[in-house]
């Protein structure tokens, strides 16, 4: 099946579906309009099937908000979207990608992320709202080098 990827912004028709999917999955939505973030939708012939995004601060990136719509999970879609987002960050000069997760540690380990102590996050990542306030202290910090 052919999948397409396109940006999704707050003035797009799909924004409501994107934010509702994040909220339904228990992912942060309060900071979606923060500058420096990019969000994408992954679609097939039937329409959007997954959403995800990232934040870039110079050579550091934060992978965030990957959600596959119900009924479309378990088909490798999340992995394809994650790799697409990592490629986009690499093209923007990101050398290290960070993420926080409470439920998807095994998924991200399959995609070459390693668990890191939270206090090792660079200031550019540790200072953003999702990291500092929206994700619980119990969230696991993970990192992957893109070099």
C-alpha atoms as a PDB file:
ATOM      1  CA  UNK A   1       0.000   0.000   0.000  1.00  0.00           C
ATOM      2  CA  UNK A   2       1.202   3.510  -0.839  1.00  0.00           C
ATOM      3  CA  UNK A   3       1.578   5.929   2.047  1.00  0.00           C
ATOM      4  CA  UNK A   4       1.995   9.674   1.724  1.00  0.00           C
ATOM      5  CA  UNK A   5       3.331  12.142   4.273  1.00  0.00           C
ATOM      6  CA  UNK A   6       2.377  15.786   4.430  1.00  0.00           C
ATOM      7  CA  UNK A   7       2.665  18.576   6.985  1.00  0.00           C
ATOM      8  CA  UNK A   8      -0.328  19.314   9.171  1.00  0.00           C
ATOM      9  CA  UNK A   9      -0.815  22.751  10.745  1.00  0.00           C
ATOM     10  CA  UNK A  10      -3.387  24.327  13.028  1.00  0.00           C
ATOM     11  CA  UNK A  11      -5.271  25.845  10.086  1.00  0.00           C
ATOM     12  CA  UNK A  12      -5.576  22.501   8.250  1.00  0.00           C
ATOM     13  CA  UNK A  13      -8.776  20.483   8.107  1.00  0.00           C
ATOM     14  CA  UNK A  14      -7.002  17.473   9.698  1.00  0.00           C
ATOM     15  CA  UNK A  15      -5.786  19.422  12.768  1.00  0.00           C
ATOM     16  CA  UNK A  16      -8.877  18.511  14.792  1.00  0.00           C
ATOM     17  CA  UNK A  17      -8.468  14.819  14.001  1.00  0.00           C
ATOM     18  CA  UNK A  18      -4.756  15.066  14.897  1.00  0.00           C
ATOM     19  CA  UNK A  19      -5.303  16.741  18.272  1.00  0.00           C
ATOM     20  CA  UNK A  20      -8.241  14.433  19.099  1.00  0.00           C
ATOM     21  CA  UNK A  21      -6.115  11.345  18.306  1.00  0.00           C
ATOM     22  CA  UNK A  22      -3.336  12.608  20.576  1.00  0.00           C
ATOM     23  CA  UNK A  23      -5.755  13.325  23.409  1.00  0.00           C
ATOM     24  CA  UNK A  24      -7.419   9.910  23.032  1.00  0.00           C
ATOM     25  CA  UNK A  25      -3.972   8.273  23.286  1.00  0.00           C
ATOM     26  CA  UNK A  26      -3.142  10.256  26.432  1.00  0.00           C
ATOM     27  CA  UNK A  27      -0.445  12.299  24.684  1.00  0.00           C
ATOM     28  CA  UNK A  28       0.178  16.006  25.404  1.00  0.00           C
ATOM     29  CA  UNK A  29      -1.842  18.531  23.404  1.00  0.00           C
ATOM     30  CA  UNK A  30      -1.439  21.718  25.451  1.00  0.00           C
ATOM     31  CA  UNK A  31       1.753  22.749  23.662  1.00  0.00           C
ATOM     32  CA  UNK A  32       0.961  21.908  20.044  1.00  0.00           C
ATOM     33  CA  UNK A  33       1.223  25.532  18.938  1.00  0.00           C
ATOM     34  CA  UNK A  34       4.694  26.058  20.448  1.00  0.00           C
ATOM     35  CA  UNK A  35       7.170  27.472  17.926  1.00  0.00           C
ATOM     36  CA  UNK A  36       9.828  25.165  16.505  1.00  0.00           C
ATOM     37  CA  UNK A  37       7.591  22.132  16.103  1.00  0.00           C
ATOM     38  CA  UNK A  38       6.655  20.353  12.894  1.00  0.00           C
ATOM     39  CA  UNK A  39       3.782  17.887  12.563  1.00  0.00           C
ATOM     40  CA  UNK A  40       2.954  15.448   9.785  1.00  0.00           C
ATOM     41  CA  UNK A  41       0.148  13.144   8.837  1.00  0.00           C
ATOM     42  CA  UNK A  42       0.633   9.799   7.198  1.00  0.00           C
ATOM     43  CA  UNK A  43      -2.184   8.852   4.830  1.00  0.00           C
ATOM     44  CA  UNK A  44      -3.276   6.147   2.458  1.00  0.00           C
ATOM     45  CA  UNK A  45      -6.089   6.115  -0.095  1.00  0.00           C
ATOM     46  CA  UNK A  46      -8.663   6.199   2.722  1.00  0.00           C
ATOM     47  CA  UNK A  47      -7.222   9.321   4.390  1.00  0.00           C
ATOM     48  CA  UNK A  48      -5.087   9.996   7.485  1.00  0.00           C
ATOM     49  CA  UNK A  49      -3.880   6.899   9.357  1.00  0.00           C
ATOM     50  CA  UNK A  50      -1.210   8.334  11.690  1.00  0.00           C
ATOM     51  CA  UNK A  51       0.218  11.596  12.964  1.00  0.00           C
ATOM     52  CA  UNK A  52       3.521  12.601  14.496  1.00  0.00           C
ATOM     53  CA  UNK A  53       5.849  15.471  15.060  1.00  0.00           C
ATOM     54  CA  UNK A  54       9.106  16.809  16.344  1.00  0.00           C
ATOM     55  CA  UNK A  55      10.791  19.819  17.859  1.00  0.00           C
ATOM     56  CA  UNK A  56      14.224  21.029  16.711  1.00  0.00           C
ATOM     57  CA  UNK A  57      16.707  23.094  18.719  1.00  0.00           C
ATOM     58  CA  UNK A  58      19.916  23.428  16.678  1.00  0.00           C
ATOM     59  CA  UNK A  59      21.460  19.922  16.585  1.00  0.00           C
ATOM     60  CA  UNK A  60      19.055  18.399  19.131  1.00  0.00           C
ATOM     61  CA  UNK A  61      15.594  17.109  18.333  1.00  0.00           C
ATOM     62  CA  UNK A  62      12.630  15.873  20.353  1.00  0.00           C
ATOM     63  CA  UNK A  63      10.485  13.221  18.712  1.00  0.00           C
ATOM     64  CA  UNK A  64       6.962  13.632  19.958  1.00  0.00           C
ATOM     65  CA  UNK A  65       3.375  12.716  19.528  1.00  0.00           C
ATOM     66  CA  UNK A  66       3.403   9.651  17.286  1.00  0.00           C
ATOM     67  CA  UNK A  67      -0.086   8.193  17.153  1.00  0.00           C
ATOM     68  CA  UNK A  68      -1.554   5.600  14.809  1.00  0.00           C
ATOM     69  CA  UNK A  69      -5.321   5.725  14.483  1.00  0.00           C
ATOM     70  CA  UNK A  70      -7.320   2.828  15.977  1.00  0.00           C
ATOM     71  CA  UNK A  71      -7.858   0.007  13.543  1.00  0.00           C
ATOM     72  CA  UNK A  72      -4.563   0.724  11.765  1.00  0.00           C
ATOM     73  CA  UNK A  73      -2.152  -0.399  14.488  1.00  0.00           C
ATOM     74  CA  UNK A  74       0.154  -3.409  14.288  1.00  0.00           C
ATOM     75  CA  UNK A  75       0.943  -3.024  10.595  1.00  0.00           C
ATOM     76  CA  UNK A  76       4.309  -1.250  10.852  1.00  0.00           C
ATOM     77  CA  UNK A  77       2.741   2.164  10.317  1.00  0.00           C
ATOM     78  CA  UNK A  78       4.174   3.667  13.512  1.00  0.00           C
ATOM     79  CA  UNK A  79       7.662   2.513  12.552  1.00  0.00           C
ATOM     80  CA  UNK A  80       7.378   3.976   9.059  1.00  0.00           C
ATOM     81  CA  UNK A  81       6.181   7.282  10.477  1.00  0.00           C
ATOM     82  CA  UNK A  82       8.972   7.350  13.076  1.00  0.00           C
ATOM     83  CA  UNK A  83      11.619   6.748  10.395  1.00  0.00           C
ATOM     84  CA  UNK A  84      10.088   9.469   8.206  1.00  0.00           C
ATOM     85  CA  UNK A  85      10.232  11.956  11.098  1.00  0.00           C
ATOM     86  CA  UNK A  86      13.816  10.973  11.963  1.00  0.00           C
ATOM     87  CA  UNK A  87      14.814  11.520   8.335  1.00  0.00           C
ATOM     88  CA  UNK A  88      13.195  14.979   8.349  1.00  0.00           C
ATOM     89  CA  UNK A  89      15.105  15.897  11.509  1.00  0.00           C
ATOM     90  CA  UNK A  90      18.387  14.645  10.070  1.00  0.00           C
ATOM     91  CA  UNK A  91      17.820  16.809   6.984  1.00  0.00           C
ATOM     92  CA  UNK A  92      17.442  19.793   9.327  1.00  0.00           C
ATOM     93  CA  UNK A  93      20.823  19.118  10.946  1.00  0.00           C
ATOM     94  CA  UNK A  94      19.689  17.206  14.040  1.00  0.00           C
ATOM     95  CA  UNK A  95      22.430  14.954  15.401  1.00  0.00           C
ATOM     96  CA  UNK A  96      20.679  13.531  18.472  1.00  0.00           C
ATOM     97  CA  UNK A  97      16.989  12.778  18.892  1.00  0.00           C
ATOM     98  CA  UNK A  98      15.370  12.534  22.306  1.00  0.00           C
ATOM     99  CA  UNK A  99      11.936  11.398  23.397  1.00  0.00           C
ATOM    100  CA  UNK A 100       9.896  10.749  26.511  1.00  0.00           C
ATOM    101  CA  UNK A 101       7.557   7.793  26.800  1.00  0.00           C
ATOM    102  CA  UNK A 102       5.424   6.134  29.434  1.00  0.00           C
ATOM    103  CA  UNK A 103       4.188   3.232  27.297  1.00  0.00           C
ATOM    104  CA  UNK A 104       6.280   2.758  24.139  1.00  0.00           C
ATOM    105  CA  UNK A 105       9.792   1.973  25.352  1.00  0.00           C
ATOM    106  CA  UNK A 106       9.939  -1.438  23.546  1.00  0.00           C
ATOM    107  CA  UNK A 107       8.733   0.161  20.297  1.00  0.00           C
ATOM    108  CA  UNK A 108      11.450   2.802  20.377  1.00  0.00           C
ATOM    109  CA  UNK A 109      14.138   0.321  21.374  1.00  0.00           C
ATOM    110  CA  UNK A 110      13.351  -1.510  18.106  1.00  0.00           C
ATOM    111  CA  UNK A 111      14.131   1.790  16.370  1.00  0.00           C
ATOM    112  CA  UNK A 112      17.571   2.114  17.980  1.00  0.00           C
ATOM    113  CA  UNK A 113      16.698   4.417  20.869  1.00  0.00           C
ATOM    114  CA  UNK A 114      18.510   3.864  24.166  1.00  0.00           C
ATOM    115  CA  UNK A 115      17.231   4.657  27.658  1.00  0.00           C
ATOM    116  CA  UNK A 116      19.067   7.581  29.247  1.00  0.00           C
ATOM    117  CA  UNK A 117      18.972   9.176  32.710  1.00  0.00           C
ATOM    118  CA  UNK A 118      16.615  12.171  32.587  1.00  0.00           C
ATOM    119  CA  UNK A 119      19.272  14.502  33.917  1.00  0.00           C
ATOM    120  CA  UNK A 120      21.397  13.840  30.803  1.00  0.00           C
ATOM    121  CA  UNK A 121      18.967  15.599  28.467  1.00  0.00           C
ATOM    122  CA  UNK A 122      20.564  18.694  26.928  1.00  0.00           C
ATOM    123  CA  UNK A 123      19.264  22.056  28.142  1.00  0.00           C
ATOM    124  CA  UNK A 124      17.672  22.746  24.730  1.00  0.00           C
ATOM    125  CA  UNK A 125      15.436  19.705  25.230  1.00  0.00           C
ATOM    126  CA  UNK A 126      15.010  19.703  29.019  1.00  0.00           C
ATOM    127  CA  UNK A 127      13.755  23.288  28.920  1.00  0.00           C
ATOM    128  CA  UNK A 128      10.840  22.813  26.556  1.00  0.00           C
ATOM    129  CA  UNK A 129       7.332  22.618  27.955  1.00  0.00           C
ATOM    130  CA  UNK A 130       6.616  18.988  27.041  1.00  0.00           C
ATOM    131  CA  UNK A 131       9.764  17.813  28.829  1.00  0.00           C
ATOM    132  CA  UNK A 132       9.638  20.158  31.813  1.00  0.00           C
ATOM    133  CA  UNK A 133       5.894  20.224  32.572  1.00  0.00           C
ATOM    134  CA  UNK A 134       3.617  18.067  30.431  1.00  0.00           C
ATOM    135  CA  UNK A 135       5.216  14.616  30.587  1.00  0.00           C
ATOM    136  CA  UNK A 136       5.133  12.937  33.991  1.00  0.00           C
ATOM    137  CA  UNK A 137       8.328  12.432  35.968  1.00  0.00           C
ATOM    138  CA  UNK A 138       7.827   8.701  35.437  1.00  0.00           C
ATOM    139  CA  UNK A 139       8.308   9.055  31.665  1.00  0.00           C
ATOM    140  CA  UNK A 140      11.406   7.299  30.333  1.00  0.00           C
ATOM    141  CA  UNK A 141      13.956   9.426  28.466  1.00  0.00           C
ATOM    142  CA  UNK A 142      15.390   7.823  25.340  1.00  0.00           C
ATOM    143  CA  UNK A 143      17.973   8.985  22.805  1.00  0.00           C
ATOM    144  CA  UNK A 144      19.175   8.036  19.324  1.00  0.00           C
ATOM    145  CA  UNK A 145      22.139   9.408  17.400  1.00  0.00           C
ATOM    146  CA  UNK A 146      21.479  10.294  13.782  1.00  0.00           C
ATOM    147  CA  UNK A 147      25.125  10.690  12.734  1.00  0.00           C
END
